[in-house]
Every structure is written in C-alpha cells, then in structure tokens.
C-alpha cells in the first residue's frame, strides 16, 4: 500500500508469502516492494519510508522486537528488512498501527480503546490524543486478558485468554467475507450457536475494557469490518452485563475497514514529515 501526504491510498497490492526468518524471505519482500513501486509509477526519491506492521511487540525505537508468540519474528528482524529495503524503515505492532490509522481518520479522538479482531486479537489505547504504549511497551494487550479461567489454550501458553475465543479464525480460516455472507441467511444451528457464543465472549471482553478504561471501545480488524449489521446486538449484550452504563453508544466500529495495519504503518512517515513543515 502507498499513501500520499494527505493519507490517501494511491496504490494497493496484496501478496502472500509464508514467513520464514531467512534471507530468502526478506529478499523476496524487497523485490515485491520494488515491483510494486515501479508498477505504481512511484518515484524512488519521493518515498519517505516504509512502514511494516507485525504481530509482535516492538519498542519505541520502532526497530526492536521483544516478544512474538505467533511468528518467528526475532530481535534482528529490522536488520533483515533493512538489508534489502533501501528506505527508512519503521516497524509497528499490528494493533497499534491500526489504532494510529483510526486516530488519523478521527482527528478529534482523545480517549479510546481499539480492539483488533483479526487472526489474532490485539489492542491499542489512545489517551489524550496519543497512542499509549505503557511502561514496558505492552499496554492494551487485550488478547491476553483472562476471559474464561482455565479455558482454551492460547498461543502465549496460558489458558482462557481472549485471543482463542475472539480470533477471526474461530469463524473462518480463510474466507470471512463468505462466512458473513452465509451468516446473514443460514439456518444452520451449529453456525448460529457458534456466532451467538462469539458475540457473548465479545460483549464480555468489551465490558471488561469499558470498566477499566471508561472510554469508547472501537472494534476493528478483519471481523470489525463486517460487524455493522450486528452492532445493535453487540451493544445490547454489553449493556446487559454493564454495571454503570445506561446505553452502549461508546461501542464504535472502525473507520478503516480494510488494510488498517498497512495504512497505520505507512501514515507514521507522513505524520513525522508534517511535523517538520
């Protein structure tokens, strides 16, 4: 994805590569990036930099990976990318990149909690208009709040985390669009029961966040893009288990429906450039 100085997407391309921590993978990424630049007619000298969103925790230098339980993303990942990509590179946790994109669209947003409902569940917080990282750069990791004590095993090694209950893969392994198209008309009780359970787990996670943070909760990621027809039901369920709220209008849907991770990672360079003007 390429964005201009206004944050508008000017070119987009999706490629699938199986991640391996090998030179061949990083070289392939660089080659695909160069092919994308050329095919999109983007001048090499006009590129401010490359933003990369990854399912890992990254320190404030936007280079140092210090935790990744999903993929074999290691501390030296930045150096491996930098070896082949001839631009300024920054790396971001996927949820925090998505949250940054959301903030870019909603300039007046001051306090909010973003839940990334993708193949893994992540989170990010906006406090006083800024993405908050926490003392150890692991703030808002909602995917690892205990939702069901001694419940399903999470990739992190613990049991009962939010992630194994709300990950998009609970609904579909590779075709969410097809899943939600079918959900709208299906009479299959197994599918409907699973969706009912998913909504209940979602309401519980939302209620936990709301009780702690007392701010808007934004639902994003792969699943968030399809939740418009179900928003009223989600609000109803969250309100039923809320101690303090008399309405659930604090639950919002993401503004960026597609490729929010890529957009947020790219927008960092635009934001930094604007500060110099």
C-alpha atoms as a PDB file:
ATOM      1  CA  UNK A   1       0.000   0.000   0.000  1.00  0.00           C
ATOM      2  CA  UNK A   2       1.208   3.521  -0.817  1.00  0.00           C
ATOM      3  CA  UNK A   3      -0.316   6.678   0.670  1.00  0.00           C
ATOM      4  CA  UNK A   4       0.181  10.320  -0.250  1.00  0.00           C
ATOM      5  CA  UNK A   5       0.787  13.260   2.092  1.00  0.00           C
ATOM      6  CA  UNK A   6      -2.950  13.534   2.733  1.00  0.00           C
ATOM      7  CA  UNK A   7      -3.086   9.934   3.895  1.00  0.00           C
ATOM      8  CA  UNK A   8      -4.992   8.896   0.767  1.00  0.00           C
ATOM      9  CA  UNK A   9      -4.284   5.415  -0.588  1.00  0.00           C
ATOM     10  CA  UNK A  10      -2.805   5.895  -4.058  1.00  0.00           C
ATOM     11  CA  UNK A  11      -1.790   2.303  -4.807  1.00  0.00           C
ATOM     12  CA  UNK A  12      -2.503  -1.089  -3.300  1.00  0.00           C
ATOM     13  CA  UNK A  13      -1.308  -4.629  -3.844  1.00  0.00           C
ATOM     14  CA  UNK A  14      -1.566  -7.795  -1.746  1.00  0.00           C
ATOM     15  CA  UNK A  15       0.938 -10.629  -1.937  1.00  0.00           C
ATOM     16  CA  UNK A  16       1.047 -13.756   0.213  1.00  0.00           C
ATOM     17  CA  UNK A  17       4.364 -15.157   1.411  1.00  0.00           C
ATOM     18  CA  UNK A  18       4.903 -17.794   4.056  1.00  0.00           C
ATOM     19  CA  UNK A  19       7.029 -16.108   6.718  1.00  0.00           C
ATOM     20  CA  UNK A  20      10.436 -17.599   7.404  1.00  0.00           C
ATOM     21  CA  UNK A  21      13.271 -15.955   9.248  1.00  0.00           C
ATOM     22  CA  UNK A  22      15.599 -16.432   6.296  1.00  0.00           C
ATOM     23  CA  UNK A  23      17.406 -14.157   3.867  1.00  0.00           C
ATOM     24  CA  UNK A  24      15.278 -15.530   1.038  1.00  0.00           C
ATOM     25  CA  UNK A  25      12.058 -14.260   2.646  1.00  0.00           C
ATOM     26  CA  UNK A  26      13.313 -10.732   3.315  1.00  0.00           C
ATOM     27  CA  UNK A  27      14.843 -10.534  -0.144  1.00  0.00           C
ATOM     28  CA  UNK A  28      11.523 -11.603  -1.690  1.00  0.00           C
ATOM     29  CA  UNK A  29       9.682  -8.901   0.263  1.00  0.00           C
ATOM     30  CA  UNK A  30      12.113  -6.279  -1.026  1.00  0.00           C
ATOM     31  CA  UNK A  31      11.725  -7.498  -4.590  1.00  0.00           C
ATOM     32  CA  UNK A  32       7.923  -7.370  -4.351  1.00  0.00           C
ATOM     33  CA  UNK A  33       8.151  -3.874  -2.897  1.00  0.00           C
ATOM     34  CA  UNK A  34      10.293  -2.690  -5.802  1.00  0.00           C
ATOM     35  CA  UNK A  35       7.947  -4.282  -8.341  1.00  0.00           C
ATOM     36  CA  UNK A  36       5.031  -2.546  -6.614  1.00  0.00           C
ATOM     37  CA  UNK A  37       6.833   0.821  -6.700  1.00  0.00           C
ATOM     38  CA  UNK A  38       7.563   0.511 -10.402  1.00  0.00           C
ATOM     39  CA  UNK A  39       4.112  -0.752 -11.410  1.00  0.00           C
ATOM     40  CA  UNK A  40       2.502   2.074  -9.391  1.00  0.00           C
ATOM     41  CA  UNK A  41       4.652   4.726 -11.059  1.00  0.00           C
ATOM     42  CA  UNK A  42       6.078   5.996  -7.781  1.00  0.00           C
ATOM     43  CA  UNK A  43       9.366   7.880  -7.962  1.00  0.00           C
ATOM     44  CA  UNK A  44      12.042   6.307  -5.751  1.00  0.00           C
ATOM     45  CA  UNK A  45      13.167   9.716  -4.497  1.00  0.00           C
ATOM     46  CA  UNK A  46       9.667  10.699  -3.349  1.00  0.00           C
ATOM     47  CA  UNK A  47       9.282   7.820  -0.895  1.00  0.00           C
ATOM     48  CA  UNK A  48       9.582   8.995   2.714  1.00  0.00           C
ATOM     49  CA  UNK A  49       9.920   5.499   4.083  1.00  0.00           C
ATOM     50  CA  UNK A  50       8.420   2.059   4.562  1.00  0.00           C
ATOM     51  CA  UNK A  51       6.196   1.101   7.494  1.00  0.00           C
ATOM     52  CA  UNK A  52       5.828  -2.544   8.477  1.00  0.00           C
ATOM     53  CA  UNK A  53       3.084  -3.894  10.756  1.00  0.00           C
ATOM     54  CA  UNK A  54       3.897  -7.157  12.523  1.00  0.00           C
ATOM     55  CA  UNK A  55       2.144  -9.433  15.077  1.00  0.00           C
ATOM     56  CA  UNK A  56       4.771  -8.738  17.720  1.00  0.00           C
ATOM     57  CA  UNK A  57       5.633  -6.228  20.425  1.00  0.00           C
ATOM     58  CA  UNK A  58       8.069  -3.518  19.379  1.00  0.00           C
ATOM     59  CA  UNK A  59       9.954  -0.985  21.475  1.00  0.00           C
ATOM     60  CA  UNK A  60       9.647   2.783  20.991  1.00  0.00           C
ATOM     61  CA  UNK A  61      12.558   2.842  18.532  1.00  0.00           C
ATOM     62  CA  UNK A  62      10.220   1.050  16.085  1.00  0.00           C
ATOM     63  CA  UNK A  63      13.019  -1.407  15.396  1.00  0.00           C
ATOM     64  CA  UNK A  64      13.447  -3.732  18.339  1.00  0.00           C
ATOM     65  CA  UNK A  65      11.126  -6.727  18.583  1.00  0.00           C
ATOM     66  CA  UNK A  66      10.963  -8.141  22.106  1.00  0.00           C
ATOM     67  CA  UNK A  67       8.008 -10.546  22.026  1.00  0.00           C
ATOM     68  CA  UNK A  68       6.358 -12.594  19.305  1.00  0.00           C
ATOM     69  CA  UNK A  69       4.458 -15.748  20.145  1.00  0.00           C
ATOM     70  CA  UNK A  70       2.677 -16.026  16.793  1.00  0.00           C
ATOM     71  CA  UNK A  71       5.502 -15.931  14.242  1.00  0.00           C
ATOM     72  CA  UNK A  72       9.244 -16.359  14.408  1.00  0.00           C
ATOM     73  CA  UNK A  73       9.803 -12.597  14.360  1.00  0.00           C
ATOM     74  CA  UNK A  74      13.101 -12.043  16.154  1.00  0.00           C
ATOM     75  CA  UNK A  75      15.070  -9.147  17.588  1.00  0.00           C
ATOM     76  CA  UNK A  76      17.095  -8.833  14.388  1.00  0.00           C
ATOM     77  CA  UNK A  77      14.051  -8.550  12.104  1.00  0.00           C
ATOM     78  CA  UNK A  78      14.652  -4.852  11.458  1.00  0.00           C
ATOM     79  CA  UNK A  79      18.200  -5.514  10.309  1.00  0.00           C
ATOM     80  CA  UNK A  80      16.986  -8.263   7.985  1.00  0.00           C
ATOM     81  CA  UNK A  81      14.469  -5.935   6.331  1.00  0.00           C
ATOM     82  CA  UNK A  82      16.973  -3.082   6.210  1.00  0.00           C
ATOM     83  CA  UNK A  83      19.485  -5.334   4.471  1.00  0.00           C
ATOM     84  CA  UNK A  84      17.333  -5.402   1.338  1.00  0.00           C
ATOM     85  CA  UNK A  85      14.950  -2.414   1.523  1.00  0.00           C
ATOM     86  CA  UNK A  86      16.704   0.867   0.602  1.00  0.00           C
ATOM     87  CA  UNK A  87      14.367   3.194   2.513  1.00  0.00           C
ATOM     88  CA  UNK A  88      13.858   4.396   6.065  1.00  0.00           C
ATOM     89  CA  UNK A  89      12.050   1.533   7.811  1.00  0.00           C
ATOM     90  CA  UNK A  90       9.832   1.559  10.905  1.00  0.00           C
ATOM     91  CA  UNK A  91       8.079  -1.433  12.447  1.00  0.00           C
ATOM     92  CA  UNK A  92       4.878  -1.397  14.492  1.00  0.00           C
ATOM     93  CA  UNK A  93       2.774  -3.796  16.467  1.00  0.00           C
ATOM     94  CA  UNK A  94      -0.197  -4.591  14.233  1.00  0.00           C
ATOM     95  CA  UNK A  95      -2.892  -3.360  16.631  1.00  0.00           C
ATOM     96  CA  UNK A  96      -1.067  -0.130  17.382  1.00  0.00           C
ATOM     97  CA  UNK A  97      -0.624   0.524  13.665  1.00  0.00           C
ATOM     98  CA  UNK A  98      -4.371   0.032  13.123  1.00  0.00           C
ATOM     99  CA  UNK A  99      -5.159   2.306  16.050  1.00  0.00           C
ATOM    100  CA  UNK A 100      -2.887   5.011  14.620  1.00  0.00           C
ATOM    101  CA  UNK A 101      -4.796   4.805  11.329  1.00  0.00           C
ATOM    102  CA  UNK A 102      -8.062   5.174  13.242  1.00  0.00           C
ATOM    103  CA  UNK A 103      -6.745   8.258  15.008  1.00  0.00           C
ATOM    104  CA  UNK A 104      -5.639   9.721  11.681  1.00  0.00           C
ATOM    105  CA  UNK A 105      -9.200   9.471  10.363  1.00  0.00           C
ATOM    106  CA  UNK A 106     -10.776  10.719  13.608  1.00  0.00           C
ATOM    107  CA  UNK A 107      -8.653  13.763  14.428  1.00  0.00           C
ATOM    108  CA  UNK A 108     -10.748  14.783  17.434  1.00  0.00           C
ATOM    109  CA  UNK A 109     -10.396  11.399  19.168  1.00  0.00           C
ATOM    110  CA  UNK A 110      -8.920  11.854  22.645  1.00  0.00           C
ATOM    111  CA  UNK A 111      -9.523   8.629  24.569  1.00  0.00           C
ATOM    112  CA  UNK A 112     -10.378   5.270  23.040  1.00  0.00           C
ATOM    113  CA  UNK A 113      -9.532   1.581  23.181  1.00  0.00           C
ATOM    114  CA  UNK A 114      -9.091  -0.233  19.859  1.00  0.00           C
ATOM    115  CA  UNK A 115      -9.678  -3.998  19.685  1.00  0.00           C
ATOM    116  CA  UNK A 116      -8.120  -5.697  16.673  1.00  0.00           C
ATOM    117  CA  UNK A 117     -10.251  -8.747  15.837  1.00  0.00           C
ATOM    118  CA  UNK A 118      -8.070 -10.458  13.265  1.00  0.00           C
ATOM    119  CA  UNK A 119      -6.391 -13.865  13.123  1.00  0.00           C
ATOM    120  CA  UNK A 120      -5.026 -12.867  16.488  1.00  0.00           C
ATOM    121  CA  UNK A 121      -6.592 -10.395  18.920  1.00  0.00           C
ATOM    122  CA  UNK A 122      -4.676  -7.262  19.766  1.00  0.00           C
ATOM    123  CA  UNK A 123      -5.382  -3.911  21.309  1.00  0.00           C
ATOM    124  CA  UNK A 124      -4.196  -0.344  21.484  1.00  0.00           C
ATOM    125  CA  UNK A 125      -5.133   2.731  23.502  1.00  0.00           C
ATOM    126  CA  UNK A 126      -5.466   6.380  22.624  1.00  0.00           C
ATOM    127  CA  UNK A 127      -5.011   8.570  25.707  1.00  0.00           C
ATOM    128  CA  UNK A 128      -5.097  12.358  25.406  1.00  0.00           C
ATOM    129  CA  UNK A 129      -4.894  12.019  21.640  1.00  0.00           C
ATOM    130  CA  UNK A 130      -1.780   9.818  21.619  1.00  0.00           C
ATOM    131  CA  UNK A 131      -1.222   6.085  21.233  1.00  0.00           C
ATOM    132  CA  UNK A 132      -0.232   4.875  24.702  1.00  0.00           C
ATOM    133  CA  UNK A 133       2.424   2.149  24.861  1.00  0.00           C
ATOM    134  CA  UNK A 134       2.788   1.600  28.611  1.00  0.00           C
ATOM    135  CA  UNK A 135       5.910   1.353  30.763  1.00  0.00           C
ATOM    136  CA  UNK A 136       7.065  -1.798  29.005  1.00  0.00           C
ATOM    137  CA  UNK A 137       5.585  -1.227  25.525  1.00  0.00           C
ATOM    138  CA  UNK A 138       2.909  -3.865  26.057  1.00  0.00           C
ATOM    139  CA  UNK A 139      -0.114  -1.778  27.013  1.00  0.00           C
ATOM    140  CA  UNK A 140      -3.613  -2.733  25.827  1.00  0.00           C
ATOM    141  CA  UNK A 141      -2.813  -6.383  25.116  1.00  0.00           C
ATOM    142  CA  UNK A 142      -6.481  -7.279  25.445  1.00  0.00           C
ATOM    143  CA  UNK A 143      -5.920 -10.589  23.684  1.00  0.00           C
ATOM    144  CA  UNK A 144      -4.240 -11.847  26.840  1.00  0.00           C
ATOM    145  CA  UNK A 145      -6.792 -10.782  29.419  1.00  0.00           C
ATOM    146  CA  UNK A 146      -8.265 -13.917  31.014  1.00  0.00           C
ATOM    147  CA  UNK A 147     -11.782 -14.338  29.654  1.00  0.00           C
ATOM    148  CA  UNK A 148     -12.526 -17.934  30.678  1.00  0.00           C
ATOM    149  CA  UNK A 149     -10.425 -19.196  33.618  1.00  0.00           C
ATOM    150  CA  UNK A 150      -8.705 -22.492  32.719  1.00  0.00           C
ATOM    151  CA  UNK A 151     -10.277 -22.246  29.264  1.00  0.00           C
ATOM    152  CA  UNK A 152      -8.867 -22.750  25.790  1.00  0.00           C
ATOM    153  CA  UNK A 153      -5.107 -22.810  25.327  1.00  0.00           C
ATOM    154  CA  UNK A 154      -3.685 -19.555  23.903  1.00  0.00           C
ATOM    155  CA  UNK A 155      -0.597 -19.354  21.704  1.00  0.00           C
ATOM    156  CA  UNK A 156       1.066 -17.452  24.562  1.00  0.00           C
ATOM    157  CA  UNK A 157       0.977 -20.615  26.670  1.00  0.00           C
ATOM    158  CA  UNK A 158      -1.757 -19.507  29.083  1.00  0.00           C
ATOM    159  CA  UNK A 159      -5.321 -20.793  29.157  1.00  0.00           C
ATOM    160  CA  UNK A 160      -8.545 -18.831  28.810  1.00  0.00           C
ATOM    161  CA  UNK A 161      -7.190 -15.681  27.141  1.00  0.00           C
ATOM    162  CA  UNK A 162      -9.451 -13.532  24.966  1.00  0.00           C
ATOM    163  CA  UNK A 163      -7.433 -14.440  21.851  1.00  0.00           C
ATOM    164  CA  UNK A 164      -8.519 -18.088  21.387  1.00  0.00           C
ATOM    165  CA  UNK A 165     -12.168 -17.053  21.800  1.00  0.00           C
ATOM    166  CA  UNK A 166     -12.317 -13.936  19.604  1.00  0.00           C
ATOM    167  CA  UNK A 167      -9.691 -14.591  16.914  1.00  0.00           C
ATOM    168  CA  UNK A 168     -11.211 -14.388  13.428  1.00  0.00           C
ATOM    169  CA  UNK A 169     -10.153 -17.993  12.806  1.00  0.00           C
ATOM    170  CA  UNK A 170     -12.929 -19.103  15.170  1.00  0.00           C
ATOM    171  CA  UNK A 171     -15.334 -18.000  12.450  1.00  0.00           C
ATOM    172  CA  UNK A 172     -13.416 -18.854   9.296  1.00  0.00           C
ATOM    173  CA  UNK A 173      -9.904 -19.980   8.489  1.00  0.00           C
ATOM    174  CA  UNK A 174      -9.580 -18.086   5.222  1.00  0.00           C
ATOM    175  CA  UNK A 175     -12.890 -16.596   3.972  1.00  0.00           C
ATOM    176  CA  UNK A 176     -14.531 -14.159   6.370  1.00  0.00           C
ATOM    177  CA  UNK A 177     -16.431 -12.471   3.566  1.00  0.00           C
ATOM    178  CA  UNK A 178     -18.029 -15.784   2.667  1.00  0.00           C
ATOM    179  CA  UNK A 179     -18.682 -16.585   6.313  1.00  0.00           C
ATOM    180  CA  UNK A 180     -20.596 -13.354   6.945  1.00  0.00           C
ATOM    181  CA  UNK A 181     -22.475 -13.617   3.645  1.00  0.00           C
ATOM    182  CA  UNK A 182     -23.649 -17.076   4.713  1.00  0.00           C
ATOM    183  CA  UNK A 183     -24.356 -15.970   8.299  1.00  0.00           C
ATOM    184  CA  UNK A 184     -26.948 -13.474   7.098  1.00  0.00           C
ATOM    185  CA  UNK A 185     -29.187 -16.219   5.679  1.00  0.00           C
ATOM    186  CA  UNK A 186     -28.158 -19.510   7.276  1.00  0.00           C
ATOM    187  CA  UNK A 187     -30.492 -21.672   9.353  1.00  0.00           C
ATOM    188  CA  UNK A 188     -27.648 -23.982  10.396  1.00  0.00           C
ATOM    189  CA  UNK A 189     -27.992 -24.182  14.184  1.00  0.00           C
ATOM    190  CA  UNK A 190     -24.340 -25.099  14.668  1.00  0.00           C
ATOM    191  CA  UNK A 191     -23.185 -21.931  12.866  1.00  0.00           C
ATOM    192  CA  UNK A 192     -25.753 -19.753  14.650  1.00  0.00           C
ATOM    193  CA  UNK A 193     -24.848 -21.175  18.061  1.00  0.00           C
ATOM    194  CA  UNK A 194     -21.144 -20.572  17.447  1.00  0.00           C
ATOM    195  CA  UNK A 195     -21.872 -16.978  16.388  1.00  0.00           C
ATOM    196  CA  UNK A 196     -24.089 -16.467  19.446  1.00  0.00           C
ATOM    197  CA  UNK A 197     -21.273 -17.673  21.678  1.00  0.00           C
ATOM    198  CA  UNK A 198     -18.768 -15.445  19.846  1.00  0.00           C
ATOM    199  CA  UNK A 199     -20.987 -12.399  20.466  1.00  0.00           C
ATOM    200  CA  UNK A 200     -21.252 -13.237  24.157  1.00  0.00           C
ATOM    201  CA  UNK A 201     -17.494 -13.515  24.515  1.00  0.00           C
ATOM    202  CA  UNK A 202     -17.115 -10.236  22.635  1.00  0.00           C
ATOM    203  CA  UNK A 203     -19.568  -8.468  24.941  1.00  0.00           C
ATOM    204  CA  UNK A 204     -17.641  -9.720  27.980  1.00  0.00           C
ATOM    205  CA  UNK A 205     -14.318  -8.503  26.591  1.00  0.00           C
ATOM    206  CA  UNK A 206     -15.833  -5.109  25.736  1.00  0.00           C
ATOM    207  CA  UNK A 207     -17.359  -4.791  29.201  1.00  0.00           C
ATOM    208  CA  UNK A 208     -14.006  -5.543  30.853  1.00  0.00           C
ATOM    209  CA  UNK A 209     -12.273  -2.868  28.788  1.00  0.00           C
ATOM    210  CA  UNK A 210     -15.045  -0.337  29.446  1.00  0.00           C
ATOM    211  CA  UNK A 211     -14.954  -0.950  33.206  1.00  0.00           C
ATOM    212  CA  UNK A 212     -11.197  -0.374  33.292  1.00  0.00           C
ATOM    213  CA  UNK A 213     -10.779   2.449  30.789  1.00  0.00           C
ATOM    214  CA  UNK A 214     -14.153   4.288  30.791  1.00  0.00           C
ATOM    215  CA  UNK A 215     -13.744   5.340  27.166  1.00  0.00           C
ATOM    216  CA  UNK A 216     -15.027   4.479  23.699  1.00  0.00           C
ATOM    217  CA  UNK A 217     -14.268   0.952  22.500  1.00  0.00           C
ATOM    218  CA  UNK A 218     -13.573   0.565  18.774  1.00  0.00           C
ATOM    219  CA  UNK A 219     -13.998  -2.821  17.097  1.00  0.00           C
ATOM    220  CA  UNK A 220     -11.639  -3.296  14.172  1.00  0.00           C
ATOM    221  CA  UNK A 221      -9.566  -5.861  12.346  1.00  0.00           C
ATOM    222  CA  UNK A 222     -10.840  -8.462   9.902  1.00  0.00           C
ATOM    223  CA  UNK A 223     -14.017  -9.138  11.898  1.00  0.00           C
ATOM    224  CA  UNK A 224     -14.654  -5.477  12.702  1.00  0.00           C
ATOM    225  CA  UNK A 225     -15.132  -4.742   9.010  1.00  0.00           C
ATOM    226  CA  UNK A 226     -18.266  -6.947   8.944  1.00  0.00           C
ATOM    227  CA  UNK A 227     -19.964  -6.024  12.216  1.00  0.00           C
ATOM    228  CA  UNK A 228     -22.314  -3.240  11.086  1.00  0.00           C
ATOM    229  CA  UNK A 229     -25.418  -5.497  10.902  1.00  0.00           C
ATOM    230  CA  UNK A 230     -24.671  -6.840  14.382  1.00  0.00           C
ATOM    231  CA  UNK A 231     -23.745  -3.631  16.202  1.00  0.00           C
ATOM    232  CA  UNK A 232     -27.147  -3.239  17.884  1.00  0.00           C
ATOM    233  CA  UNK A 233     -26.966  -6.786  19.238  1.00  0.00           C
ATOM    234  CA  UNK A 234     -23.398  -6.271  20.467  1.00  0.00           C
ATOM    235  CA  UNK A 235     -24.482  -3.107  22.283  1.00  0.00           C
ATOM    236  CA  UNK A 236     -27.464  -4.908  23.797  1.00  0.00           C
ATOM    237  CA  UNK A 237     -25.297  -7.713  25.164  1.00  0.00           C
ATOM    238  CA  UNK A 238     -22.630  -5.383  26.505  1.00  0.00           C
ATOM    239  CA  UNK A 239     -25.244  -3.212  28.194  1.00  0.00           C
ATOM    240  CA  UNK A 240     -26.873  -6.233  29.846  1.00  0.00           C
ATOM    241  CA  UNK A 241     -23.673  -7.033  31.775  1.00  0.00           C
ATOM    242  CA  UNK A 242     -22.556  -3.439  32.393  1.00  0.00           C
ATOM    243  CA  UNK A 243     -22.557  -2.084  35.940  1.00  0.00           C
ATOM    244  CA  UNK A 244     -22.504   1.618  35.103  1.00  0.00           C
ATOM    245  CA  UNK A 245     -23.719   2.328  31.566  1.00  0.00           C
ATOM    246  CA  UNK A 246     -27.288   3.193  30.618  1.00  0.00           C
ATOM    247  CA  UNK A 247     -26.518   2.995  26.889  1.00  0.00           C
ATOM    248  CA  UNK A 248     -23.781   1.392  24.836  1.00  0.00           C
ATOM    249  CA  UNK A 249     -23.113   4.129  22.313  1.00  0.00           C
ATOM    250  CA  UNK A 250     -19.486   4.022  23.422  1.00  0.00           C
ATOM    251  CA  UNK A 251     -19.073   0.921  21.227  1.00  0.00           C
ATOM    252  CA  UNK A 252     -17.916   2.030  17.790  1.00  0.00           C
ATOM    253  CA  UNK A 253     -16.931   0.317  14.580  1.00  0.00           C
ATOM    254  CA  UNK A 254     -13.619   1.013  12.891  1.00  0.00           C
ATOM    255  CA  UNK A 255     -13.406   3.683  10.201  1.00  0.00           C
ATOM    256  CA  UNK A 256     -10.648   1.813   8.366  1.00  0.00           C
ATOM    257  CA  UNK A 257     -12.403  -1.343   7.152  1.00  0.00           C
ATOM    258  CA  UNK A 258      -9.532  -2.773   5.128  1.00  0.00           C
ATOM    259  CA  UNK A 259      -5.743  -2.885   5.449  1.00  0.00           C
ATOM    260  CA  UNK A 260      -5.694  -0.734   8.571  1.00  0.00           C
ATOM    261  CA  UNK A 261      -2.368  -2.219   9.700  1.00  0.00           C
ATOM    262  CA  UNK A 262      -0.611  -1.269   6.473  1.00  0.00           C
ATOM    263  CA  UNK A 263      -2.240   2.165   6.488  1.00  0.00           C
ATOM    264  CA  UNK A 264      -1.219   2.926  10.064  1.00  0.00           C
ATOM    265  CA  UNK A 265       2.360   1.814   9.493  1.00  0.00           C
ATOM    266  CA  UNK A 266       2.607   3.973   6.363  1.00  0.00           C
ATOM    267  CA  UNK A 267       0.966   7.008   7.953  1.00  0.00           C
ATOM    268  CA  UNK A 268       3.728   7.238  10.560  1.00  0.00           C
ATOM    269  CA  UNK A 269       6.104   8.652   7.951  1.00  0.00           C
ATOM    270  CA  UNK A 270       3.504  11.171   6.781  1.00  0.00           C
ATOM    271  CA  UNK A 271       2.861  12.282  10.354  1.00  0.00           C
ATOM    272  CA  UNK A 272       6.554  12.759  11.059  1.00  0.00           C
ATOM    273  CA  UNK A 273       7.084  14.656   7.796  1.00  0.00           C
ATOM    274  CA  UNK A 274       4.197  17.031   8.529  1.00  0.00           C
ATOM    275  CA  UNK A 275       5.799  17.907  11.880  1.00  0.00           C
ATOM    276  CA  UNK A 276       8.832  19.267  10.003  1.00  0.00           C
ATOM    277  CA  UNK A 277       6.834  21.648   7.816  1.00  0.00           C
END
